[in-house]
C-alpha atoms as a PDB file:
ATOM      1  CA  MET A   1     -29.988 -49.458 -14.651  1.00  0.00           C
ATOM      2  CA  GLU A   2     -26.525 -49.857 -13.135  1.00  0.00           C
ATOM      3  CA  ARG A   3     -25.385 -46.661 -14.841  1.00  0.00           C
ATOM      4  CA  VAL A   4     -28.369 -44.744 -13.422  1.00  0.00           C
ATOM      5  CA  ILE A   5     -27.597 -46.001  -9.897  1.00  0.00           C
ATOM      6  CA  ILE A   6     -23.964 -44.948 -10.259  1.00  0.00           C
ATOM      7  CA  GLN A   7     -25.035 -41.480 -11.399  1.00  0.00           C
ATOM      8  CA  ILE A   8     -27.432 -41.146  -8.460  1.00  0.00           C
ATOM      9  CA  LEU A   9     -24.746 -42.232  -5.984  1.00  0.00           C
ATOM     10  CA  ARG A  10     -22.256 -39.830  -7.539  1.00  0.00           C
ATOM     11  CA  SER A  11     -24.749 -36.951  -7.246  1.00  0.00           C
ATOM     12  CA  MET A  12     -25.420 -37.858  -3.608  1.00  0.00           C
ATOM     13  CA  PHE A  13     -21.694 -37.929  -2.887  1.00  0.00           C
ATOM     14  CA  ILE A  14     -21.196 -34.496  -4.450  1.00  0.00           C
ATOM     15  CA  CYS A  15     -24.096 -33.047  -2.447  1.00  0.00           C
ATOM     16  CA  LEU A  16     -22.750 -34.528   0.787  1.00  0.00           C
ATOM     17  CA  ALA A  17     -19.276 -33.170   0.041  1.00  0.00           C
ATOM     18  CA  MET A  18     -20.687 -29.709  -0.637  1.00  0.00           C
ATOM     19  CA  PHE A  19     -22.733 -29.842   2.570  1.00  0.00           C
ATOM     20  CA  ALA A  20     -19.681 -30.899   4.582  1.00  0.00           C
ATOM     21  CA  ALA A  21     -17.634 -28.099   3.053  1.00  0.00           C
ATOM     22  CA  ALA A  22     -20.352 -25.549   3.854  1.00  0.00           C
ATOM     23  CA  CYS A  23     -20.529 -26.738   7.475  1.00  0.00           C
ATOM     24  CA  ALA A  24     -16.744 -26.545   7.792  1.00  0.00           C
ATOM     25  CA  SER A  25     -16.701 -23.029   6.317  1.00  0.00           C
ATOM     26  CA  ALA A  26     -19.362 -21.891   8.760  1.00  0.00           C
ATOM     27  CA  SER A  27     -17.208 -22.945  11.719  1.00  0.00           C
ATOM     28  CA  GLU A  28     -13.928 -21.514  10.436  1.00  0.00           C
ATOM     29  CA  PRO A  29     -12.881 -17.931  11.260  1.00  0.00           C
ATOM     30  CA  TRP A  30     -11.915 -17.325   7.637  1.00  0.00           C
ATOM     31  CA  LEU A  31     -13.605 -17.267   4.224  1.00  0.00           C
ATOM     32  CA  THR A  32     -13.100 -20.125   1.774  1.00  0.00           C
ATOM     33  CA  ILE A  33     -14.094 -19.700  -1.880  1.00  0.00           C
ATOM     34  CA  PRO A  34     -13.557 -22.859  -3.963  1.00  0.00           C
ATOM     35  CA  GLY A  35     -12.216 -22.369  -7.465  1.00  0.00           C
ATOM     36  CA  GLY A  36     -14.298 -23.030 -10.532  1.00  0.00           C
ATOM     37  CA  LYS A  37     -13.036 -23.712 -14.027  1.00  0.00           C
ATOM     38  CA  GLY A  38     -10.030 -21.833 -15.311  1.00  0.00           C
ATOM     39  CA  PRO A  39      -6.235 -21.760 -15.571  1.00  0.00           C
ATOM     40  CA  GLY A  40      -5.896 -21.477 -11.786  1.00  0.00           C
ATOM     41  CA  LYS A  41      -7.603 -24.802 -11.066  1.00  0.00           C
ATOM     42  CA  GLY A  42      -5.647 -26.681  -8.412  1.00  0.00           C
ATOM     43  CA  LYS A  43      -3.795 -23.580  -7.151  1.00  0.00           C
ATOM     44  CA  THR A  44      -4.513 -22.078  -3.726  1.00  0.00           C
ATOM     45  CA  VAL A  45      -4.289 -18.356  -3.007  1.00  0.00           C
ATOM     46  CA  VAL A  46      -4.345 -17.093   0.582  1.00  0.00           C
ATOM     47  CA  LEU A  47      -5.349 -13.435   0.995  1.00  0.00           C
ATOM     48  CA  ILE A  48      -4.828 -11.521   4.259  1.00  0.00           C
ATOM     49  CA  ALA A  49      -7.101  -8.513   4.887  1.00  0.00           C
ATOM     50  CA  ALA A  50      -5.868  -6.794   8.051  1.00  0.00           C
ATOM     51  CA  ASP A  51      -5.707  -3.000   7.973  1.00  0.00           C
ATOM     52  CA  GLU A  52      -7.775  -0.363   9.753  1.00  0.00           C
ATOM     53  CA  GLU A  53      -8.003   2.288   7.040  1.00  0.00           C
ATOM     54  CA  TYR A  54      -8.268   1.104   3.442  1.00  0.00           C
ATOM     55  CA  ARG A  55     -11.131  -1.418   3.761  1.00  0.00           C
ATOM     56  CA  SER A  56      -9.159  -4.512   2.818  1.00  0.00           C
ATOM     57  CA  GLU A  57     -11.985  -6.535   4.405  1.00  0.00           C
ATOM     58  CA  GLU A  58     -14.105  -5.401   1.448  1.00  0.00           C
ATOM     59  CA  THR A  59     -11.494  -5.565  -1.330  1.00  0.00           C
ATOM     60  CA  LEU A  60      -9.877  -8.928  -0.744  1.00  0.00           C
ATOM     61  CA  PRO A  61     -13.085 -10.999  -0.567  1.00  0.00           C
ATOM     62  CA  GLN A  62     -14.102  -9.471  -3.917  1.00  0.00           C
ATOM     63  CA  LEU A  63     -10.652 -10.127  -5.396  1.00  0.00           C
ATOM     64  CA  ALA A  64     -10.911 -13.712  -4.126  1.00  0.00           C
ATOM     65  CA  ARG A  65     -14.313 -14.149  -5.804  1.00  0.00           C
ATOM     66  CA  ILE A  66     -12.934 -12.872  -9.109  1.00  0.00           C
ATOM     67  CA  LEU A  67      -9.937 -15.200  -8.877  1.00  0.00           C
ATOM     68  CA  ALA A  68     -12.094 -18.194  -7.924  1.00  0.00           C
ATOM     69  CA  LYS A  69     -15.141 -17.750 -10.137  1.00  0.00           C
ATOM     70  CA  ARG A  70     -13.484 -16.272 -13.223  1.00  0.00           C
ATOM     71  CA  HIS A  71     -10.046 -17.908 -13.113  1.00  0.00           C
ATOM     72  CA  GLY A  72     -10.358 -21.145 -11.128  1.00  0.00           C
ATOM     73  CA  PHE A  73      -8.131 -20.423  -8.114  1.00  0.00           C
ATOM     74  CA  ASN A  74      -9.066 -21.806  -4.710  1.00  0.00           C
ATOM     75  CA  CYS A  75      -9.077 -18.798  -2.386  1.00  0.00           C
ATOM     76  CA  ILE A  76      -8.900 -18.446   1.391  1.00  0.00           C
ATOM     77  CA  VAL A  77      -9.359 -14.970   2.897  1.00  0.00           C
ATOM     78  CA  LEU A  78      -8.056 -14.275   6.412  1.00  0.00           C
ATOM     79  CA  PHE A  79      -9.062 -11.292   8.552  1.00  0.00           C
ATOM     80  CA  GLY A  80      -8.314  -9.479  11.758  1.00  0.00           C
ATOM     81  CA  ILE A  81     -10.744 -11.235  14.093  1.00  0.00           C
ATOM     82  CA  ASP A  82     -12.084 -10.171  17.477  1.00  0.00           C
ATOM     83  CA  PRO A  83     -11.369 -13.225  19.659  1.00  0.00           C
ATOM     84  CA  LYS A  84     -14.305 -12.389  21.935  1.00  0.00           C
ATOM     85  CA  ASP A  85     -16.998 -13.116  19.361  1.00  0.00           C
ATOM     86  CA  GLY A  86     -15.280 -14.278  16.141  1.00  0.00           C
ATOM     87  CA  THR A  87     -16.321 -11.204  14.161  1.00  0.00           C
ATOM     88  CA  ILE A  88     -14.221  -9.311  11.617  1.00  0.00           C
ATOM     89  CA  CYS A  89     -12.643  -6.276  13.276  1.00  0.00           C
ATOM     90  CA  PRO A  90      -9.710  -4.575  11.516  1.00  0.00           C
ATOM     91  CA  ASN A  91      -8.965  -2.621  14.703  1.00  0.00           C
ATOM     92  CA  VAL A  92      -7.876  -5.849  16.396  1.00  0.00           C
ATOM     93  CA  THR A  93      -4.193  -5.773  15.486  1.00  0.00           C
ATOM     94  CA  ASN A  94      -2.949  -8.907  17.236  1.00  0.00           C
ATOM     95  CA  ASN A  95      -5.059 -11.743  15.851  1.00  0.00           C
ATOM     96  CA  ILE A  96      -5.287 -13.215  12.331  1.00  0.00           C
ATOM     97  CA  PRO A  97      -6.522 -16.801  12.701  1.00  0.00           C
ATOM     98  CA  GLY A  98      -6.015 -19.302   9.919  1.00  0.00           C
ATOM     99  CA  LEU A  99      -2.446 -18.442   8.950  1.00  0.00           C
ATOM    100  CA  GLU A 100      -1.648 -22.156   9.007  1.00  0.00           C
ATOM    101  CA  ASN A 101      -3.398 -22.224   5.621  1.00  0.00           C
ATOM    102  CA  LEU A 102      -0.174 -20.761   4.213  1.00  0.00           C
ATOM    103  CA  LYS A 103       1.340 -24.236   4.425  1.00  0.00           C
ATOM    104  CA  LYS A 104      -0.775 -25.238   1.419  1.00  0.00           C
ATOM    105  CA  ALA A 105      -0.714 -21.877  -0.373  1.00  0.00           C
ATOM    106  CA  ASP A 106       0.770 -21.362  -3.824  1.00  0.00           C
ATOM    107  CA  LEU A 107       0.472 -17.574  -3.500  1.00  0.00           C
ATOM    108  CA  LEU A 108       0.060 -15.051  -0.677  1.00  0.00           C
ATOM    109  CA  ILE A 109      -1.690 -11.702  -1.230  1.00  0.00           C
ATOM    110  CA  MET A 110      -1.555  -9.303   1.695  1.00  0.00           C
ATOM    111  CA  LEU A 111      -2.953  -5.902   2.561  1.00  0.00           C
ATOM    112  CA  VAL A 112      -1.773  -5.697   6.153  1.00  0.00           C
ATOM    113  CA  ARG A 113      -0.957  -2.672   8.294  1.00  0.00           C
ATOM    114  CA  TRP A 114       1.112  -2.461  11.490  1.00  0.00           C
ATOM    115  CA  ARG A 115       0.076  -5.746  13.103  1.00  0.00           C
ATOM    116  CA  ASP A 116       1.635  -6.924  16.365  1.00  0.00           C
ATOM    117  CA  LEU A 117       0.974 -10.613  15.950  1.00  0.00           C
ATOM    118  CA  PRO A 118       1.836 -13.355  18.447  1.00  0.00           C
ATOM    119  CA  ASP A 119       4.880 -15.436  17.568  1.00  0.00           C
ATOM    120  CA  ASP A 120       2.922 -18.490  16.446  1.00  0.00           C
ATOM    121  CA  GLN A 121       0.966 -16.384  13.921  1.00  0.00           C
ATOM    122  CA  ILE A 122       3.735 -14.250  12.440  1.00  0.00           C
ATOM    123  CA  LYS A 123       5.864 -17.395  12.157  1.00  0.00           C
ATOM    124  CA  GLN A 124       3.474 -18.700   9.482  1.00  0.00           C
ATOM    125  CA  ILE A 125       3.987 -15.590   7.311  1.00  0.00           C
ATOM    126  CA  VAL A 126       7.732 -15.508   7.890  1.00  0.00           C
ATOM    127  CA  ASP A 127       8.129 -19.209   7.078  1.00  0.00           C
ATOM    128  CA  TYR A 128       6.169 -18.748   3.855  1.00  0.00           C
ATOM    129  CA  ALA A 129       8.330 -15.812   2.749  1.00  0.00           C
ATOM    130  CA  GLU A 130      11.617 -17.391   3.765  1.00  0.00           C
ATOM    131  CA  ASN A 131      10.752 -20.425   1.644  1.00  0.00           C
ATOM    132  CA  GLY A 132      10.899 -18.101  -1.370  1.00  0.00           C
ATOM    133  CA  LYS A 133       7.261 -18.485  -2.379  1.00  0.00           C
ATOM    134  CA  PRO A 134       5.327 -15.928  -4.490  1.00  0.00           C
ATOM    135  CA  ILE A 135       3.871 -12.871  -2.742  1.00  0.00           C
ATOM    136  CA  ILE A 136       1.742  -9.885  -3.755  1.00  0.00           C
ATOM    137  CA  GLY A 137       1.620  -6.791  -1.531  1.00  0.00           C
ATOM    138  CA  MET A 138      -0.971  -4.019  -1.642  1.00  0.00           C
ATOM    139  CA  ARG A 139      -0.832  -0.502  -0.174  1.00  0.00           C
ATOM    140  CA  THR A 140       0.168  -0.847   3.504  1.00  0.00           C
ATOM    141  CA  ALA A 141       1.999  -4.130   2.913  1.00  0.00           C
ATOM    142  CA  THR A 142       5.088  -1.910   2.867  1.00  0.00           C
ATOM    143  CA  HIS A 143       4.624  -1.691   6.658  1.00  0.00           C
ATOM    144  CA  PRO A 144       2.723  -4.815   7.726  1.00  0.00           C
ATOM    145  CA  PHE A 145       4.247  -5.372  11.165  1.00  0.00           C
ATOM    146  CA  ALA A 146       4.818  -3.128  14.189  1.00  0.00           C
ATOM    147  CA  LEU A 147       6.188  -5.670  16.626  1.00  0.00           C
ATOM    148  CA  LYS A 148       6.968  -4.778  20.230  1.00  0.00           C
ATOM    149  CA  SER A 149       8.964  -7.854  21.261  1.00  0.00           C
ATOM    150  CA  GLY A 150       9.854 -11.428  20.403  1.00  0.00           C
ATOM    151  CA  PRO A 151      12.137 -13.322  18.034  1.00  0.00           C
ATOM    152  CA  TYR A 152      10.723 -11.731  14.852  1.00  0.00           C
ATOM    153  CA  LEU A 153      11.539  -8.087  15.600  1.00  0.00           C
ATOM    154  CA  LYS A 154      13.721  -7.740  12.515  1.00  0.00           C
ATOM    155  CA  TYR A 155      10.570  -8.065  10.375  1.00  0.00           C
ATOM    156  CA  SER A 156       9.038  -4.927  11.939  1.00  0.00           C
ATOM    157  CA  TRP A 157       8.601  -1.909   9.648  1.00  0.00           C
ATOM    158  CA  ASN A 158      11.221   0.169  11.485  1.00  0.00           C
ATOM    159  CA  SER A 159      13.881  -2.540  11.800  1.00  0.00           C
ATOM    160  CA  LYS A 160      17.474  -1.371  12.100  1.00  0.00           C
ATOM    161  CA  VAL A 161      18.914  -4.896  12.060  1.00  0.00           C
ATOM    162  CA  PRO A 162      21.989  -4.966   9.771  1.00  0.00           C
ATOM    163  CA  ASP A 163      21.123  -6.429   6.356  1.00  0.00           C
ATOM    164  CA  TYR A 164      17.419  -6.304   7.257  1.00  0.00           C
ATOM    165  CA  GLU A 165      16.750  -2.576   7.534  1.00  0.00           C
ATOM    166  CA  GLY A 166      13.129  -1.593   7.017  1.00  0.00           C
ATOM    167  CA  GLY A 167      11.887  -5.034   7.981  1.00  0.00           C
ATOM    168  CA  PHE A 168       9.524  -7.214   5.967  1.00  0.00           C
ATOM    169  CA  GLY A 169       8.279  -4.356   3.802  1.00  0.00           C
ATOM    170  CA  ARG A 170      11.651  -3.077   2.668  1.00  0.00           C
ATOM    171  CA  GLN A 171      13.279  -6.492   2.284  1.00  0.00           C
ATOM    172  CA  VAL A 172      10.418  -8.467   0.719  1.00  0.00           C
ATOM    173  CA  PHE A 173       8.484  -5.781  -1.162  1.00  0.00           C
ATOM    174  CA  GLY A 174      11.183  -3.178  -1.780  1.00  0.00           C
ATOM    175  CA  GLU A 175      10.133  -0.402   0.607  1.00  0.00           C
ATOM    176  CA  THR A 176       8.844   0.315   4.094  1.00  0.00           C
ATOM    177  CA  TRP A 177       6.653   3.205   5.255  1.00  0.00           C
ATOM    178  CA  ILE A 178       8.217   6.559   4.333  1.00  0.00           C
ATOM    179  CA  ALA A 179       5.493   9.190   3.896  1.00  0.00           C
ATOM    180  CA  HIS A 180       2.523  10.323   1.844  1.00  0.00           C
ATOM    181  CA  HIS A 181       3.761  11.869  -1.406  1.00  0.00           C
ATOM    182  CA  GLY A 182       0.374  13.105  -2.603  1.00  0.00           C
ATOM    183  CA  GLU A 183      -1.872  14.951  -0.165  1.00  0.00           C
ATOM    184  CA  HIS A 184      -3.769  12.298   1.736  1.00  0.00           C
ATOM    185  CA  GLY A 185      -7.518  12.419   1.190  1.00  0.00           C
ATOM    186  CA  LYS A 186      -7.329  15.225  -1.361  1.00  0.00           C
ATOM    187  CA  GLU A 187      -5.054  14.108  -4.221  1.00  0.00           C
ATOM    188  CA  GLY A 188      -5.551  10.864  -6.132  1.00  0.00           C
ATOM    189  CA  THR A 189      -3.337   8.565  -8.200  1.00  0.00           C
ATOM    190  CA  ARG A 190      -3.437   7.961 -11.944  1.00  0.00           C
ATOM    191  CA  GLY A 191      -1.290   5.036 -13.083  1.00  0.00           C
ATOM    192  CA  ILE A 192       1.117   5.837 -15.905  1.00  0.00           C
ATOM    193  CA  ILE A 193       2.829   2.856 -17.543  1.00  0.00           C
ATOM    194  CA  ALA A 194       6.599   3.147 -17.163  1.00  0.00           C
ATOM    195  CA  ALA A 195       8.465   3.753 -20.409  1.00  0.00           C
ATOM    196  CA  GLY A 196       9.621   0.504 -21.993  1.00  0.00           C
ATOM    197  CA  GLN A 197       7.312  -1.713 -19.916  1.00  0.00           C
ATOM    198  CA  GLU A 198       4.264  -1.578 -22.161  1.00  0.00           C
ATOM    199  CA  ALA A 199       4.697  -5.221 -23.205  1.00  0.00           C
ATOM    200  CA  HIS A 200       5.190  -6.620 -19.704  1.00  0.00           C
ATOM    201  CA  PRO A 201       2.733  -9.495 -19.070  1.00  0.00           C
ATOM    202  CA  ILE A 202       1.312  -7.822 -15.949  1.00  0.00           C
ATOM    203  CA  LEU A 203       0.254  -4.864 -18.109  1.00  0.00           C
ATOM    204  CA  ARG A 204      -1.376  -6.987 -20.820  1.00  0.00           C
ATOM    205  CA  GLY A 205      -4.789  -5.548 -21.640  1.00  0.00           C
ATOM    206  CA  VAL A 206      -4.369  -2.643 -19.200  1.00  0.00           C
ATOM    207  CA  ALA A 207      -5.562   0.369 -21.156  1.00  0.00           C
ATOM    208  CA  PRO A 208      -3.717   3.673 -20.698  1.00  0.00           C
ATOM    209  CA  GLY A 209      -5.506   5.770 -18.093  1.00  0.00           C
ATOM    210  CA  SER A 210      -7.529   2.847 -16.698  1.00  0.00           C
ATOM    211  CA  ILE A 211      -5.466   2.528 -13.507  1.00  0.00           C
ATOM    212  CA  PHE A 212      -6.774   5.013 -10.966  1.00  0.00           C
ATOM    213  CA  GLY A 213      -7.308   5.318  -7.256  1.00  0.00           C
ATOM    214  CA  SER A 214      -8.518   7.869  -4.757  1.00  0.00           C
ATOM    215  CA  THR A 215      -5.668   6.990  -2.432  1.00  0.00           C
ATOM    216  CA  ASP A 216      -2.666   9.249  -2.717  1.00  0.00           C
ATOM    217  CA  VAL A 217       0.767   8.275  -4.015  1.00  0.00           C
ATOM    218  CA  TYR A 218       3.153   6.882  -1.389  1.00  0.00           C
ATOM    219  CA  GLU A 219       6.696   8.175  -1.238  1.00  0.00           C
ATOM    220  CA  VAL A 220       9.416   5.612  -1.929  1.00  0.00           C
ATOM    221  CA  ARG A 221      13.191   5.990  -2.005  1.00  0.00           C
ATOM    222  CA  LEU A 222      14.578   6.218  -5.504  1.00  0.00           C
ATOM    223  CA  PRO A 223      15.884   4.167  -7.023  1.00  0.00           C
ATOM    224  CA  LEU A 224      14.146   1.075  -5.737  1.00  0.00           C
ATOM    225  CA  PRO A 225      16.362  -1.926  -4.879  1.00  0.00           C
ATOM    226  CA  ASP A 226      18.343  -3.361  -7.792  1.00  0.00           C
ATOM    227  CA  ASP A 227      16.095  -6.417  -8.137  1.00  0.00           C
ATOM    228  CA  SER A 228      12.983  -4.236  -8.564  1.00  0.00           C
ATOM    229  CA  LEU A 229      11.403  -3.265 -11.886  1.00  0.00           C
ATOM    230  CA  PRO A 230       8.956  -0.319 -11.854  1.00  0.00           C
ATOM    231  CA  LEU A 231       5.955  -0.999 -14.088  1.00  0.00           C
ATOM    232  CA  VAL A 232       3.555   1.817 -13.203  1.00  0.00           C
ATOM    233  CA  LEU A 233       4.287   5.363 -12.046  1.00  0.00           C
ATOM    234  CA  GLY A 234       1.854   7.390  -9.962  1.00  0.00           C
ATOM    235  CA  GLU A 235       0.682  10.671 -11.424  1.00  0.00           C
ATOM    236  CA  VAL A 236      -0.594  12.820  -8.562  1.00  0.00           C
ATOM    237  CA  THR A 237      -3.991  14.318  -9.465  1.00  0.00           C
ATOM    238  CA  GLU A 238      -5.564  17.529  -8.205  1.00  0.00           C
ATOM    239  CA  THR A 239      -8.695  15.798  -6.905  1.00  0.00           C
ATOM    240  CA  LEU A 240      -9.979  12.290  -6.205  1.00  0.00           C
ATOM    241  CA  GLU A 241     -11.919  12.156  -9.485  1.00  0.00           C
ATOM    242  CA  SER A 242     -10.604   9.979 -12.309  1.00  0.00           C
ATOM    243  CA  ASP A 243     -10.785  12.818 -14.835  1.00  0.00           C
ATOM    244  CA  SER A 244      -8.808  15.171 -12.618  1.00  0.00           C
ATOM    245  CA  LYS A 245      -5.836  17.099 -13.970  1.00  0.00           C
ATOM    246  CA  PRO A 246      -2.331  16.246 -12.758  1.00  0.00           C
ATOM    247  CA  VAL A 247      -0.825  18.605 -10.201  1.00  0.00           C
ATOM    248  CA  THR A 248       2.019  20.784 -11.380  1.00  0.00           C
ATOM    249  CA  GLY A 249       5.398  20.942  -9.712  1.00  0.00           C
ATOM    250  CA  PRO A 250       7.792  18.507  -8.030  1.00  0.00           C
ATOM    251  CA  LYS A 251       5.183  15.913  -6.977  1.00  0.00           C
ATOM    252  CA  ASN A 252       5.121  14.682 -10.574  1.00  0.00           C
ATOM    253  CA  SER A 253       8.756  15.325 -11.410  1.00  0.00           C
ATOM    254  CA  PRO A 254       9.856  12.653 -10.972  1.00  0.00           C
ATOM    255  CA  MET A 255       6.814  10.453 -10.440  1.00  0.00           C
ATOM    256  CA  MET A 256       6.997   7.772  -7.764  1.00  0.00           C
ATOM    257  CA  PRO A 257       6.608   4.100  -8.765  1.00  0.00           C
ATOM    258  CA  VAL A 258       3.261   2.712  -7.568  1.00  0.00           C
ATOM    259  CA  ALA A 259       3.624  -0.835  -8.948  1.00  0.00           C
ATOM    260  CA  TRP A 260       6.730  -2.916  -9.461  1.00  0.00           C
ATOM    261  CA  THR A 261       8.070  -6.461  -9.567  1.00  0.00           C
ATOM    262  CA  LYS A 262      10.808  -7.827  -7.346  1.00  0.00           C
ATOM    263  CA  THR A 263      12.291 -11.078  -6.110  1.00  0.00           C
ATOM    264  CA  TYR A 264      12.842 -12.168  -2.535  1.00  0.00           C
ATOM    265  CA  ARG A 265      15.471 -14.759  -1.758  1.00  0.00           C
ATOM    266  CA  GLY A 266      14.521 -16.267   1.558  1.00  0.00           C
ATOM    267  CA  SER A 267      16.744 -18.026   4.055  1.00  0.00           C
ATOM    268  CA  SER A 268      15.991 -21.288   2.233  1.00  0.00           C
ATOM    269  CA  GLY A 269      17.911 -19.950  -0.774  1.00  0.00           C
ATOM    270  CA  ASN A 270      14.824 -20.037  -2.988  1.00  0.00           C
ATOM    271  CA  ALA A 271      13.914 -16.827  -4.822  1.00  0.00           C
ATOM    272  CA  GLY A 272      10.213 -16.082  -5.137  1.00  0.00           C
ATOM    273  CA  ARG A 273       8.499 -13.656  -7.479  1.00  0.00           C
ATOM    274  CA  VAL A 274       7.082 -10.559  -5.787  1.00  0.00           C
ATOM    275  CA  PHE A 275       4.650  -7.906  -7.012  1.00  0.00           C
ATOM    276  CA  MET A 276       3.981  -4.753  -5.024  1.00  0.00           C
ATOM    277  CA  THR A 277       1.525  -1.917  -5.558  1.00  0.00           C
ATOM    278  CA  THR A 278       1.095   1.004  -3.184  1.00  0.00           C
ATOM    279  CA  MET A 279      -2.467   1.346  -4.479  1.00  0.00           C
ATOM    280  CA  GLY A 280      -5.214  -0.929  -3.214  1.00  0.00           C
ATOM    281  CA  SER A 281      -8.007   0.683  -1.213  1.00  0.00           C
ATOM    282  CA  ALA A 282     -11.547  -0.572  -1.796  1.00  0.00           C
ATOM    283  CA  GLN A 283     -12.248   2.554  -3.852  1.00  0.00           C
ATOM    284  CA  ASP A 284      -9.115   1.972  -5.967  1.00  0.00           C
ATOM    285  CA  PHE A 285     -10.391  -1.542  -6.700  1.00  0.00           C
ATOM    286  CA  ALA A 286     -13.526  -0.060  -8.274  1.00  0.00           C
ATOM    287  CA  TYR A 287     -11.436   0.862 -11.354  1.00  0.00           C
ATOM    288  CA  GLU A 288     -11.102  -1.828 -14.004  1.00  0.00           C
ATOM    289  CA  GLY A 289      -7.461  -1.132 -14.799  1.00  0.00           C
ATOM    290  CA  THR A 290      -6.467  -1.423 -11.137  1.00  0.00           C
ATOM    291  CA  ARG A 291      -8.244  -4.788 -10.889  1.00  0.00           C
ATOM    292  CA  ARG A 292      -6.689  -6.067 -14.112  1.00  0.00           C
ATOM    293  CA  LEU A 293      -3.224  -5.090 -12.878  1.00  0.00           C
ATOM    294  CA  LEU A 294      -3.729  -7.198  -9.751  1.00  0.00           C
ATOM    295  CA  VAL A 295      -5.268 -10.225 -11.471  1.00  0.00           C
ATOM    296  CA  ASN A 296      -2.509 -10.257 -14.091  1.00  0.00           C
ATOM    297  CA  ALA A 297       0.032 -10.058 -11.256  1.00  0.00           C
ATOM    298  CA  VAL A 298      -1.444 -13.240  -9.770  1.00  0.00           C
ATOM    299  CA  TYR A 299      -0.663 -15.104 -12.984  1.00  0.00           C
ATOM    300  CA  TRP A 300       2.818 -13.578 -13.236  1.00  0.00           C
ATOM    301  CA  THR A 301       3.905 -14.278  -9.658  1.00  0.00           C
ATOM    302  CA  LEU A 302       2.879 -17.914 -10.148  1.00  0.00           C
ATOM    303  CA  GLY A 303       4.937 -18.183 -13.355  1.00  0.00           C
ATOM    304  CA  MET A 304       1.744 -18.448 -15.423  1.00  0.00           C
ATOM    305  CA  GLU A 305       2.255 -15.338 -17.549  1.00  0.00           C
ATOM    306  CA  SER A 306       1.747 -17.332 -20.742  1.00  0.00           C
ATOM    307  CA  ARG A 307      -1.850 -17.921 -19.568  1.00  0.00           C
ATOM    308  CA  ILE A 308      -2.684 -14.202 -19.267  1.00  0.00           C
ATOM    309  CA  PRO A 309      -5.244 -13.472 -21.993  1.00  0.00           C
ATOM    310  CA  ALA A 310      -5.327 -10.348 -24.136  1.00  0.00           C
ATOM    311  CA  LYS A 311      -7.920  -8.904 -21.749  1.00  0.00           C
ATOM    312  CA  THR A 312      -8.277 -10.630 -18.402  1.00  0.00           C
ATOM    313  CA  SER A 313     -11.800 -11.039 -17.027  1.00  0.00           C
ATOM    314  CA  VAL A 314     -12.085  -8.794 -13.967  1.00  0.00           C
ATOM    315  CA  GLY A 315     -15.838  -8.149 -13.701  1.00  0.00           C
ATOM    316  CA  PHE A 316     -17.225  -8.086 -10.179  1.00  0.00           C
ATOM    317  CA  VAL A 317     -18.760 -11.250  -8.776  1.00  0.00           C
ATOM    318  CA  GLY A 318     -21.885 -10.135  -6.959  1.00  0.00           C
ATOM    319  CA  GLU A 319     -22.208  -6.611  -5.617  1.00  0.00           C
ATOM    320  CA  PHE A 320     -19.236  -4.450  -4.739  1.00  0.00           C
ATOM    321  CA  ASN A 321     -19.960  -1.128  -3.059  1.00  0.00           C
ATOM    322  CA  PRO A 322     -16.632   0.131  -1.716  1.00  0.00           C
ATOM    323  CA  SER A 323     -16.569   2.256   1.401  1.00  0.00           C
ATOM    324  CA  PRO A 324     -14.419   5.391   1.557  1.00  0.00           C
ATOM    325  CA  PHE A 325     -11.085   4.888   3.249  1.00  0.00           C
ATOM    326  CA  HIS A 326     -10.744   6.247   6.776  1.00  0.00           C
ATOM    327  CA  PHE A 327     -10.071   5.038  10.279  1.00  0.00           C
ATOM    328  CA  ARG A 328     -13.038   3.872  12.327  1.00  0.00           C
ATOM    329  CA  LYS A 329     -13.448   3.846  16.053  1.00  0.00           C
ATOM    330  CA  MET A 330     -14.354   0.518  17.574  1.00  0.00           C
ATOM    331  CA  GLU A 331     -17.883   1.767  18.260  1.00  0.00           C
ATOM    332  CA  ASP A 332     -18.269   2.792  14.607  1.00  0.00           C
ATOM    333  CA  TRP A 333     -17.366  -0.629  13.287  1.00  0.00           C
ATOM    334  CA  LYS A 334     -20.138  -2.652  11.662  1.00  0.00           C
ATOM    335  CA  PRO A 335     -20.837  -5.279  14.330  1.00  0.00           C
ATOM    336  CA  GLY A 336     -21.531  -8.947  14.087  1.00  0.00           C
ATOM    337  CA  VAL A 337     -20.043  -9.813  10.672  1.00  0.00           C
ATOM    338  CA  LYS A 338     -18.233 -13.143  10.662  1.00  0.00           C
ATOM    339  CA  PRO A 339     -16.240 -14.556   7.720  1.00  0.00           C
ATOM    340  CA  SER A 340     -18.952 -17.181   7.158  1.00  0.00           C
ATOM    341  CA  ASP A 341     -21.466 -14.369   6.624  1.00  0.00           C
ATOM    342  CA  LEU A 342     -19.521 -13.335   3.504  1.00  0.00           C
ATOM    343  CA  ALA A 343     -19.833 -16.724   1.831  1.00  0.00           C
ATOM    344  CA  ARG A 344     -22.032 -16.658  -1.289  1.00  0.00           C
END
């Protein structure tokens, strides 16, 4: 009888805890997805979706669900939020609430484009990076900040500060915004594994030809910084279809790196593992190889490469219907969606 009572009380406690967590999530201007079973249990990943073009507000919640439900990571997704009504609005470039969650993060994943954040918000990202903690950047993370004033100007994408040229993107991820290398909106990207890197843990289980995206290849300066290791090169394709032929001519000779590893030694003296890919739109994420590359990178940046299986589970959790990448006017933006509405 005593054992039955204990079990009932335990069940009631769990239900109350889940109810409290759901209520808290509903009031928070970010999305929290608790981890299930898996190697990532006990680790917290913070993902920042804040760009106007590549639909990071679709991609990063799905990536968070995969990491939480299939691999056990606790995930918190932050967004550009309209302060007037608390809704997700990527066109609001000066407000990402919840960045204080980085204080408890084991890993930061960011797809951020040209934000002009207030000092108290950008400080949270800068402090995290300068502590030498692991970071993953996607697509426009090469140029996350376009700051107009304040004490953090050196982190802006166009920084000319000595020893910090190119700002956060160049210094942390290895490059800032340069140019489109492929023709934007017309030529896609097929990932080609760099010679000699076939056995790298991040590429484990990534089948040749499975990395693809309808976003074009970004230009980067060659060679990348000395502490960078290119893993995947971007073959420019004639069309946005995955079976498209490669273009002929100088765009593919040489090919630009589209995924690489790096380290960033922050002001604390600690050196954190960094992974950067210039792919990452919602449509890119529809391809299994692109997803596997990113999930494997999560394990690697956290020093958990020995836990990467022969073929990482990257199946979608729930529906994923990626929107085409393009800029939207404020009046075109889907209204009324709050982070709590994305909880499942």
